[in-house]
PDB file of N, CA and C in Angstrom:
ATOM      1  N   UNK A   1     -20.269  70.668  24.550  1.00  0.00           N
ATOM      2  CA  UNK A   1     -19.943  71.275  25.542  1.00  0.00           C
ATOM      3  C   UNK A   1     -20.461  72.857  25.347  1.00  0.00           C
ATOM      4  N   UNK A   2     -20.794  72.993  26.856  1.00  0.00           N
ATOM      5  CA  UNK A   2     -21.313  74.374  27.090  1.00  0.00           C
ATOM      6  C   UNK A   2     -20.608  75.234  27.704  1.00  0.00           C
ATOM      7  N   UNK A   3     -20.537  76.492  27.740  1.00  0.00           N
ATOM      8  CA  UNK A   3     -19.732  77.309  28.714  1.00  0.00           C
ATOM      9  C   UNK A   3     -21.138  77.988  29.543  1.00  0.00           C
ATOM     10  N   UNK A   4     -21.014  77.909  30.620  1.00  0.00           N
ATOM     11  CA  UNK A   4     -22.036  78.660  31.783  1.00  0.00           C
ATOM     12  C   UNK A   4     -21.286  78.954  33.240  1.00  0.00           C
ATOM     13  N   UNK A   5     -22.000  80.097  33.666  1.00  0.00           N
ATOM     14  CA  UNK A   5     -21.521  80.435  34.900  1.00  0.00           C
ATOM     15  C   UNK A   5     -21.544  79.727  35.948  1.00  0.00           C
ATOM     16  N   UNK A   6     -20.750  79.259  36.678  1.00  0.00           N
ATOM     17  CA  UNK A   6     -20.934  78.403  38.127  1.00  0.00           C
ATOM     18  C   UNK A   6     -20.503  79.248  39.119  1.00  0.00           C
ATOM     19  N   UNK A   7     -21.132  78.637  40.225  1.00  0.00           N
ATOM     20  CA  UNK A   7     -20.402  79.077  41.802  1.00  0.00           C
ATOM     21  C   UNK A   7     -20.748  77.693  42.595  1.00  0.00           C
ATOM     22  N   UNK A   8     -20.393  77.819  43.919  1.00  0.00           N
ATOM     23  CA  UNK A   8     -20.093  76.641  44.768  1.00  0.00           C
ATOM     24  C   UNK A   8     -19.941  77.513  46.137  1.00  0.00           C
ATOM     25  N   UNK A   9     -20.749  76.679  46.938  1.00  0.00           N
ATOM     26  CA  UNK A   9     -20.556  76.956  48.500  1.00  0.00           C
ATOM     27  C   UNK A   9     -19.325  76.674  48.704  1.00  0.00           C
ATOM     28  N   UNK A  10     -18.366  75.961  48.240  1.00  0.00           N
ATOM     29  CA  UNK A  10     -16.845  75.651  48.915  1.00  0.00           C
ATOM     30  C   UNK A  10     -16.294  76.815  48.301  1.00  0.00           C
ATOM     31  N   UNK A  11     -16.467  77.801  47.535  1.00  0.00           N
ATOM     32  CA  UNK A  11     -15.952  78.910  47.107  1.00  0.00           C
ATOM     33  C   UNK A  11     -16.636  80.082  47.460  1.00  0.00           C
ATOM     34  N   UNK A  12     -17.031  80.667  48.485  1.00  0.00           N
ATOM     35  CA  UNK A  12     -18.269  81.477  48.713  1.00  0.00           C
ATOM     36  C   UNK A  12     -17.662  82.753  47.958  1.00  0.00           C
ATOM     37  N   UNK A  13     -18.610  83.383  47.267  1.00  0.00           N
ATOM     38  CA  UNK A  13     -18.729  84.613  46.488  1.00  0.00           C
ATOM     39  C   UNK A  13     -17.959  84.722  45.248  1.00  0.00           C
ATOM     40  N   UNK A  14     -17.606  83.865  44.764  1.00  0.00           N
ATOM     41  CA  UNK A  14     -16.698  83.331  43.534  1.00  0.00           C
ATOM     42  C   UNK A  14     -17.469  82.918  42.296  1.00  0.00           C
ATOM     43  N   UNK A  15     -17.502  83.433  41.177  1.00  0.00           N
ATOM     44  CA  UNK A  15     -18.145  82.690  39.875  1.00  0.00           C
ATOM     45  C   UNK A  15     -17.168  82.749  38.536  1.00  0.00           C
ATOM     46  N   UNK A  16     -17.523  81.781  38.312  1.00  0.00           N
ATOM     47  CA  UNK A  16     -16.799  81.586  36.908  1.00  0.00           C
ATOM     48  C   UNK A  16     -17.134  80.943  35.702  1.00  0.00           C
ATOM     49  N   UNK A  17     -16.398  81.092  34.547  1.00  0.00           N
ATOM     50  CA  UNK A  17     -17.218  80.259  33.511  1.00  0.00           C
ATOM     51  C   UNK A  17     -16.608  79.316  33.104  1.00  0.00           C
ATOM     52  N   UNK A  18     -17.768  77.935  33.217  1.00  0.00           N
ATOM     53  CA  UNK A  18     -16.949  76.709  32.976  1.00  0.00           C
ATOM     54  C   UNK A  18     -17.363  75.938  32.045  1.00  0.00           C
ATOM     55  N   UNK A  19     -16.763  75.238  30.843  1.00  0.00           N
ATOM     56  CA  UNK A  19     -17.076  74.688  29.844  1.00  0.00           C
ATOM     57  C   UNK A  19     -17.459  72.964  30.431  1.00  0.00           C
ATOM     58  N   UNK A  20     -18.546  72.678  30.202  1.00  0.00           N
ATOM     59  CA  UNK A  20     -19.028  71.099  30.492  1.00  0.00           C
ATOM     60  C   UNK A  20     -20.150  70.538  29.404  1.00  0.00           C
ATOM     61  N   UNK A  21     -19.778  69.149  29.420  1.00  0.00           N
ATOM     62  CA  UNK A  21     -20.639  68.273  28.730  1.00  0.00           C
ATOM     63  C   UNK A  21     -22.084  68.759  28.503  1.00  0.00           C
ATOM     64  N   UNK A  22     -22.635  69.153  27.416  1.00  0.00           N
ATOM     65  CA  UNK A  22     -23.791  69.220  27.325  1.00  0.00           C
ATOM     66  C   UNK A  22     -24.917  67.833  27.768  1.00  0.00           C
ATOM     67  N   UNK A  23     -24.298  67.136  27.575  1.00  0.00           N
ATOM     68  CA  UNK A  23     -25.376  65.809  27.959  1.00  0.00           C
ATOM     69  C   UNK A  23     -24.190  64.761  28.558  1.00  0.00           C
ATOM     70  N   UNK A  24     -24.769  63.865  29.419  1.00  0.00           N
ATOM     71  CA  UNK A  24     -23.632  63.077  30.188  1.00  0.00           C
ATOM     72  C   UNK A  24     -24.511  61.718  30.420  1.00  0.00           C
ATOM     73  N   UNK A  25     -24.006  60.693  30.379  1.00  0.00           N
ATOM     74  CA  UNK A  25     -24.314  59.350  31.113  1.00  0.00           C
ATOM     75  C   UNK A  25     -23.399  59.137  32.261  1.00  0.00           C
ATOM     76  N   UNK A  26     -24.485  58.982  33.403  1.00  0.00           N
ATOM     77  CA  UNK A  26     -23.548  58.846  34.565  1.00  0.00           C
ATOM     78  C   UNK A  26     -23.846  57.156  35.354  1.00  0.00           C
ATOM     79  N   UNK A  27     -23.018  56.400  35.505  1.00  0.00           N
ATOM     80  CA  UNK A  27     -23.367  55.223  35.984  1.00  0.00           C
ATOM     81  C   UNK A  27     -22.674  54.754  37.516  1.00  0.00           C
ATOM     82  N   UNK A  28     -23.655  54.082  38.279  1.00  0.00           N
ATOM     83  CA  UNK A  28     -22.885  53.996  39.369  1.00  0.00           C
ATOM     84  C   UNK A  28     -24.022  52.720  39.983  1.00  0.00           C
ATOM     85  N   UNK A  29     -23.703  52.772  41.515  1.00  0.00           N
ATOM     86  CA  UNK A  29     -24.617  52.236  42.298  1.00  0.00           C
ATOM     87  C   UNK A  29     -25.528  52.667  43.115  1.00  0.00           C
ATOM     88  N   UNK A  30     -26.917  52.197  43.526  1.00  0.00           N
ATOM     89  CA  UNK A  30     -27.779  52.745  44.729  1.00  0.00           C
ATOM     90  C   UNK A  30     -26.973  52.148  45.863  1.00  0.00           C
ATOM     91  N   UNK A  31     -27.985  52.603  46.723  1.00  0.00           N
ATOM     92  CA  UNK A  31     -26.973  52.080  48.675  1.00  0.00           C
ATOM     93  C   UNK A  31     -27.380  50.901  48.483  1.00  0.00           C
ATOM     94  N   UNK A  32     -28.233  50.208  47.726  1.00  0.00           N
ATOM     95  CA  UNK A  32     -28.421  48.328  47.733  1.00  0.00           C
ATOM     96  C   UNK A  32     -27.301  47.925  47.096  1.00  0.00           C
ATOM     97  N   UNK A  33     -26.440  48.684  46.054  1.00  0.00           N
ATOM     98  CA  UNK A  33     -25.569  47.791  45.462  1.00  0.00           C
ATOM     99  C   UNK A  33     -25.845  47.770  44.136  1.00  0.00           C
ATOM    100  N   UNK A  34     -26.929  48.010  43.543  1.00  0.00           N
ATOM    101  CA  UNK A  34     -27.725  47.603  42.300  1.00  0.00           C
ATOM    102  C   UNK A  34     -27.159  48.920  41.215  1.00  0.00           C
ATOM    103  N   UNK A  35     -27.056  48.550  39.972  1.00  0.00           N
ATOM    104  CA  UNK A  35     -26.233  49.537  39.053  1.00  0.00           C
ATOM    105  C   UNK A  35     -27.452  50.379  38.895  1.00  0.00           C
ATOM    106  N   UNK A  36     -26.791  51.381  38.559  1.00  0.00           N
ATOM    107  CA  UNK A  36     -28.253  52.400  37.928  1.00  0.00           C
ATOM    108  C   UNK A  36     -27.255  53.136  37.079  1.00  0.00           C
ATOM    109  N   UNK A  37     -27.948  53.857  35.946  1.00  0.00           N
ATOM    110  CA  UNK A  37     -27.428  54.796  34.819  1.00  0.00           C
ATOM    111  C   UNK A  37     -28.322  56.002  34.723  1.00  0.00           C
ATOM    112  N   UNK A  38     -27.716  57.012  34.777  1.00  0.00           N
ATOM    113  CA  UNK A  38     -28.766  58.390  34.876  1.00  0.00           C
ATOM    114  C   UNK A  38     -28.393  59.117  33.495  1.00  0.00           C
ATOM    115  N   UNK A  39     -29.249  59.329  32.588  1.00  0.00           N
ATOM    116  CA  UNK A  39     -29.005  60.258  31.421  1.00  0.00           C
ATOM    117  C   UNK A  39     -29.494  61.386  31.730  1.00  0.00           C
ATOM    118  N   UNK A  40     -28.358  62.472  31.676  1.00  0.00           N
ATOM    119  CA  UNK A  40     -28.898  63.803  32.077  1.00  0.00           C
ATOM    120  C   UNK A  40     -28.427  64.630  30.809  1.00  0.00           C
ATOM    121  N   UNK A  41     -29.174  65.900  30.663  1.00  0.00           N
ATOM    122  CA  UNK A  41     -28.738  67.134  29.848  1.00  0.00           C
ATOM    123  C   UNK A  41     -29.153  68.477  30.626  1.00  0.00           C
ATOM    124  N   UNK A  42     -28.460  69.318  29.880  1.00  0.00           N
ATOM    125  CA  UNK A  42     -28.844  70.775  30.548  1.00  0.00           C
ATOM    126  C   UNK A  42     -28.137  71.100  31.894  1.00  0.00           C
ATOM    127  N   UNK A  43     -28.872  71.489  32.828  1.00  0.00           N
ATOM    128  CA  UNK A  43     -28.691  71.839  34.189  1.00  0.00           C
ATOM    129  C   UNK A  43     -28.366  70.742  35.141  1.00  0.00           C
ATOM    130  N   UNK A  44     -29.099  69.534  35.071  1.00  0.00           N
ATOM    131  CA  UNK A  44     -29.064  68.428  35.758  1.00  0.00           C
ATOM    132  C   UNK A  44     -27.734  67.733  35.009  1.00  0.00           C
ATOM    133  N   UNK A  45     -27.107  67.911  33.926  1.00  0.00           N
ATOM    134  CA  UNK A  45     -25.832  67.571  33.763  1.00  0.00           C
ATOM    135  C   UNK A  45     -24.711  68.333  34.153  1.00  0.00           C
ATOM    136  N   UNK A  46     -25.085  69.311  34.274  1.00  0.00           N
ATOM    137  CA  UNK A  46     -23.910  70.411  34.675  1.00  0.00           C
ATOM    138  C   UNK A  46     -23.648  70.257  35.982  1.00  0.00           C
ATOM    139  N   UNK A  47     -24.726  69.864  36.556  1.00  0.00           N
ATOM    140  CA  UNK A  47     -24.823  69.656  38.310  1.00  0.00           C
ATOM    141  C   UNK A  47     -23.971  68.475  38.702  1.00  0.00           C
ATOM    142  N   UNK A  48     -24.305  67.370  37.908  1.00  0.00           N
ATOM    143  CA  UNK A  48     -23.927  66.060  38.276  1.00  0.00           C
ATOM    144  C   UNK A  48     -22.315  66.075  37.720  1.00  0.00           C
ATOM    145  N   UNK A  49     -21.692  66.743  36.645  1.00  0.00           N
ATOM    146  CA  UNK A  49     -20.193  66.987  36.547  1.00  0.00           C
ATOM    147  C   UNK A  49     -19.674  67.967  37.715  1.00  0.00           C
ATOM    148  N   UNK A  50     -20.389  68.820  38.149  1.00  0.00           N
ATOM    149  CA  UNK A  50     -19.785  69.679  38.908  1.00  0.00           C
ATOM    150  C   UNK A  50     -19.714  68.816  40.450  1.00  0.00           C
ATOM    151  N   UNK A  51     -20.494  67.976  41.034  1.00  0.00           N
ATOM    152  CA  UNK A  51     -20.517  67.154  42.133  1.00  0.00           C
ATOM    153  C   UNK A  51     -19.762  65.907  42.045  1.00  0.00           C
ATOM    154  N   UNK A  52     -19.714  65.483  40.907  1.00  0.00           N
ATOM    155  CA  UNK A  52     -18.668  63.969  40.719  1.00  0.00           C
ATOM    156  C   UNK A  52     -17.416  64.794  40.551  1.00  0.00           C
ATOM    157  N   UNK A  53     -17.121  66.185  40.350  1.00  0.00           N
ATOM    158  CA  UNK A  53     -15.797  66.742  40.083  1.00  0.00           C
ATOM    159  C   UNK A  53     -15.272  66.947  41.492  1.00  0.00           C
ATOM    160  N   UNK A  54     -16.374  67.169  42.664  1.00  0.00           N
ATOM    161  CA  UNK A  54     -15.761  67.118  43.970  1.00  0.00           C
ATOM    162  C   UNK A  54     -15.547  65.995  44.483  1.00  0.00           C
ATOM    163  N   UNK A  55     -16.086  64.737  44.389  1.00  0.00           N
ATOM    164  CA  UNK A  55     -15.952  63.531  44.818  1.00  0.00           C
ATOM    165  C   UNK A  55     -14.068  63.149  44.454  1.00  0.00           C
ATOM    166  N   UNK A  56     -13.893  64.060  42.987  1.00  0.00           N
ATOM    167  CA  UNK A  56     -12.323  63.972  42.436  1.00  0.00           C
ATOM    168  C   UNK A  56     -11.520  64.765  43.311  1.00  0.00           C
ATOM    169  N   UNK A  57     -11.870  65.741  44.031  1.00  0.00           N
ATOM    170  CA  UNK A  57     -11.284  66.674  44.619  1.00  0.00           C
ATOM    171  C   UNK A  57     -10.943  67.831  43.502  1.00  0.00           C
ATOM    172  N   UNK A  58     -11.784  67.923  42.738  1.00  0.00           N
ATOM    173  CA  UNK A  58     -11.621  69.202  41.804  1.00  0.00           C
ATOM    174  C   UNK A  58     -12.721  70.230  41.958  1.00  0.00           C
ATOM    175  N   UNK A  59     -12.764  71.713  42.435  1.00  0.00           N
ATOM    176  CA  UNK A  59     -13.363  72.658  42.060  1.00  0.00           C
ATOM    177  C   UNK A  59     -13.777  73.379  41.102  1.00  0.00           C
ATOM    178  N   UNK A  60     -14.937  73.963  40.919  1.00  0.00           N
ATOM    179  CA  UNK A  60     -14.947  74.656  39.759  1.00  0.00           C
ATOM    180  C   UNK A  60     -14.108  75.644  39.170  1.00  0.00           C
ATOM    181  N   UNK A  61     -13.573  76.310  40.437  1.00  0.00           N
ATOM    182  CA  UNK A  61     -12.302  76.874  39.993  1.00  0.00           C
ATOM    183  C   UNK A  61     -10.902  76.609  38.981  1.00  0.00           C
ATOM    184  N   UNK A  62     -10.668  75.430  39.327  1.00  0.00           N
ATOM    185  CA  UNK A  62      -9.807  74.438  38.816  1.00  0.00           C
ATOM    186  C   UNK A  62     -10.105  74.469  37.316  1.00  0.00           C
ATOM    187  N   UNK A  63     -11.569  74.366  37.142  1.00  0.00           N
ATOM    188  CA  UNK A  63     -11.738  74.346  35.568  1.00  0.00           C
ATOM    189  C   UNK A  63     -12.452  75.598  35.228  1.00  0.00           C
ATOM    190  N   UNK A  64     -12.352  76.435  35.391  1.00  0.00           N
ATOM    191  CA  UNK A  64     -12.927  77.451  35.235  1.00  0.00           C
ATOM    192  C   UNK A  64     -11.842  78.156  33.995  1.00  0.00           C
ATOM    193  N   UNK A  65     -12.667  78.919  32.818  1.00  0.00           N
ATOM    194  CA  UNK A  65     -12.052  79.264  31.823  1.00  0.00           C
ATOM    195  C   UNK A  65     -11.703  80.851  32.030  1.00  0.00           C
ATOM    196  N   UNK A  66     -12.752  81.298  33.169  1.00  0.00           N
ATOM    197  CA  UNK A  66     -12.259  82.732  33.460  1.00  0.00           C
ATOM    198  C   UNK A  66     -13.324  82.956  34.740  1.00  0.00           C
ATOM    199  N   UNK A  67     -12.376  83.571  35.804  1.00  0.00           N
ATOM    200  CA  UNK A  67     -13.085  83.761  37.008  1.00  0.00           C
ATOM    201  C   UNK A  67     -13.614  85.503  36.906  1.00  0.00           C
ATOM    202  N   UNK A  68     -14.946  85.430  37.128  1.00  0.00           N
ATOM    203  CA  UNK A  68     -15.335  86.605  36.933  1.00  0.00           C
ATOM    204  C   UNK A  68     -15.059  87.517  38.337  1.00  0.00           C
ATOM    205  N   UNK A  69     -14.927  88.944  37.758  1.00  0.00           N
ATOM    206  CA  UNK A  69     -14.414  89.688  38.921  1.00  0.00           C
ATOM    207  C   UNK A  69     -15.478  89.966  40.275  1.00  0.00           C
ATOM    208  N   UNK A  70     -14.935  90.236  41.198  1.00  0.00           N
ATOM    209  CA  UNK A  70     -15.759  89.738  42.531  1.00  0.00           C
ATOM    210  C   UNK A  70     -16.933  91.000  42.706  1.00  0.00           C
ATOM    211  N   UNK A  71     -16.883  92.160  41.827  1.00  0.00           N
ATOM    212  CA  UNK A  71     -17.507  93.099  42.202  1.00  0.00           C
ATOM    213  C   UNK A  71     -18.823  92.759  40.872  1.00  0.00           C
ATOM    214  N   UNK A  72     -18.566  91.979  39.759  1.00  0.00           N
ATOM    215  CA  UNK A  72     -19.367  91.596  39.050  1.00  0.00           C
ATOM    216  C   UNK A  72     -20.592  91.046  39.549  1.00  0.00           C
ATOM    217  N   UNK A  73     -21.907  91.522  39.368  1.00  0.00           N
ATOM    218  CA  UNK A  73     -23.017  90.916  39.658  1.00  0.00           C
ATOM    219  C   UNK A  73     -23.418  89.574  38.809  1.00  0.00           C
ATOM    220  N   UNK A  74     -22.868  88.495  39.003  1.00  0.00           N
ATOM    221  CA  UNK A  74     -22.897  87.079  38.092  1.00  0.00           C
ATOM    222  C   UNK A  74     -24.223  87.027  37.522  1.00  0.00           C
ATOM    223  N   UNK A  75     -25.583  87.127  38.521  1.00  0.00           N
ATOM    224  CA  UNK A  75     -26.478  86.872  37.965  1.00  0.00           C
ATOM    225  C   UNK A  75     -26.756  88.049  36.516  1.00  0.00           C
ATOM    226  N   UNK A  76     -26.315  88.884  36.274  1.00  0.00           N
ATOM    227  CA  UNK A  76     -26.397  90.015  35.591  1.00  0.00           C
ATOM    228  C   UNK A  76     -25.930  89.487  34.351  1.00  0.00           C
ATOM    229  N   UNK A  77     -24.456  88.374  34.280  1.00  0.00           N
ATOM    230  CA  UNK A  77     -23.999  88.271  33.291  1.00  0.00           C
ATOM    231  C   UNK A  77     -24.802  86.734  32.700  1.00  0.00           C
ATOM    232  N   UNK A  78     -25.430  86.147  33.834  1.00  0.00           N
ATOM    233  CA  UNK A  78     -26.355  85.173  33.345  1.00  0.00           C
ATOM    234  C   UNK A  78     -27.338  84.946  32.527  1.00  0.00           C
ATOM    235  N   UNK A  79     -27.800  86.519  32.599  1.00  0.00           N
ATOM    236  CA  UNK A  79     -28.916  86.730  32.139  1.00  0.00           C
ATOM    237  C   UNK A  79     -28.655  87.393  30.560  1.00  0.00           C
ATOM    238  N   UNK A  80     -27.462  87.189  30.033  1.00  0.00           N
ATOM    239  CA  UNK A  80     -26.999  88.041  28.944  1.00  0.00           C
ATOM    240  C   UNK A  80     -26.871  86.936  27.955  1.00  0.00           C
TER     241      UNK A  80
END
Protein backbone atom coordinates (compact mmCIF):
# COMPACT_ATOMS: atom_id res chain seq x y z
CA UNK A 1 0.00 0.00 0.00
CA UNK A 2 1.09 3.54 -0.77
CA UNK A 3 -0.45 6.80 0.39
CA UNK A 4 -0.44 9.70 -2.05
CA UNK A 5 -2.46 12.78 -2.89
CA UNK A 6 -5.29 12.44 -5.40
CA UNK A 7 -7.74 14.78 -7.02
CA UNK A 8 -10.48 14.33 -9.60
CA UNK A 9 -12.47 16.46 -12.03
CA UNK A 10 -15.61 14.89 -10.49
CA UNK A 11 -14.80 16.74 -7.25
CA UNK A 12 -13.26 20.06 -8.37
CA UNK A 13 -10.69 21.88 -6.21
CA UNK A 14 -10.53 19.00 -3.71
CA UNK A 15 -7.52 16.86 -2.89
CA UNK A 16 -7.00 14.10 -0.38
CA UNK A 17 -4.58 11.46 0.82
CA UNK A 18 -5.62 8.04 -0.49
CA UNK A 19 -4.07 4.64 0.22
CA UNK A 20 -3.83 2.38 -2.84
CA UNK A 21 -2.08 -0.85 -3.72
CA UNK A 22 1.39 -0.18 -5.14
CA UNK A 23 1.02 -2.95 -7.73
CA UNK A 24 -2.13 -4.34 -9.37
CA UNK A 25 -3.22 -6.87 -11.96
CA UNK A 26 -6.37 -5.92 -13.85
CA UNK A 27 -8.25 -8.53 -15.88
CA UNK A 28 -10.87 -7.56 -18.41
CA UNK A 29 -11.90 -7.75 -22.05
CA UNK A 30 -10.98 -5.68 -25.05
CA UNK A 31 -13.62 -4.34 -27.43
CA UNK A 32 -13.63 -7.68 -29.29
CA UNK A 33 -14.35 -9.69 -26.16
CA UNK A 34 -10.81 -11.05 -25.91
CA UNK A 35 -9.41 -11.44 -22.41
CA UNK A 36 -6.67 -9.03 -21.45
CA UNK A 37 -4.52 -8.68 -18.38
CA UNK A 38 -2.59 -5.60 -17.35
CA UNK A 39 0.04 -5.57 -14.62
CA UNK A 40 0.85 -2.10 -13.36
CA UNK A 41 2.68 -0.35 -10.57
CA UNK A 42 3.24 3.21 -9.48
CA UNK A 43 1.14 5.95 -11.05
CA UNK A 44 -0.53 3.62 -13.59
CA UNK A 45 -1.61 1.26 -10.79
CA UNK A 46 -3.06 4.22 -8.87
CA UNK A 47 -4.86 5.55 -11.96
CA UNK A 48 -6.37 2.14 -12.76
CA UNK A 49 -7.69 1.77 -9.21
CA UNK A 50 -9.07 5.33 -9.27
CA UNK A 51 -10.89 4.77 -12.58
CA UNK A 52 -12.21 1.31 -11.62
CA UNK A 53 -13.59 2.94 -8.46
CA UNK A 54 -15.58 5.29 -10.73
CA UNK A 55 -17.17 2.26 -12.42
CA UNK A 56 -18.25 1.09 -8.96
CA UNK A 57 -19.65 4.48 -7.97
CA UNK A 58 -16.80 5.24 -5.57
CA UNK A 59 -14.98 8.58 -5.56
CA UNK A 60 -11.53 9.22 -4.14
CA UNK A 61 -13.13 11.28 -1.34
CA UNK A 62 -14.89 8.09 -0.20
CA UNK A 63 -11.48 6.44 0.26
CA UNK A 64 -9.53 9.47 1.47
CA UNK A 65 -7.70 9.10 4.76
CA UNK A 66 -7.65 12.88 4.97
CA UNK A 67 -9.12 15.65 2.84
CA UNK A 68 -6.66 18.49 2.48
CA UNK A 69 -7.84 21.96 3.44
CA UNK A 70 -8.98 23.87 0.37
CA UNK A 71 -6.47 26.64 0.90
CA UNK A 72 -3.66 24.07 0.88
CA UNK A 73 -1.61 24.03 -2.28
CA UNK A 74 -1.77 20.29 -3.00
CA UNK A 75 1.19 20.44 -5.36
CA UNK A 76 3.45 21.73 -2.58
CA UNK A 77 2.44 18.78 -0.37
CA UNK A 78 3.14 16.36 -3.25
CA UNK A 79 6.73 17.64 -3.39
CA UNK A 80 7.38 16.85 0.28
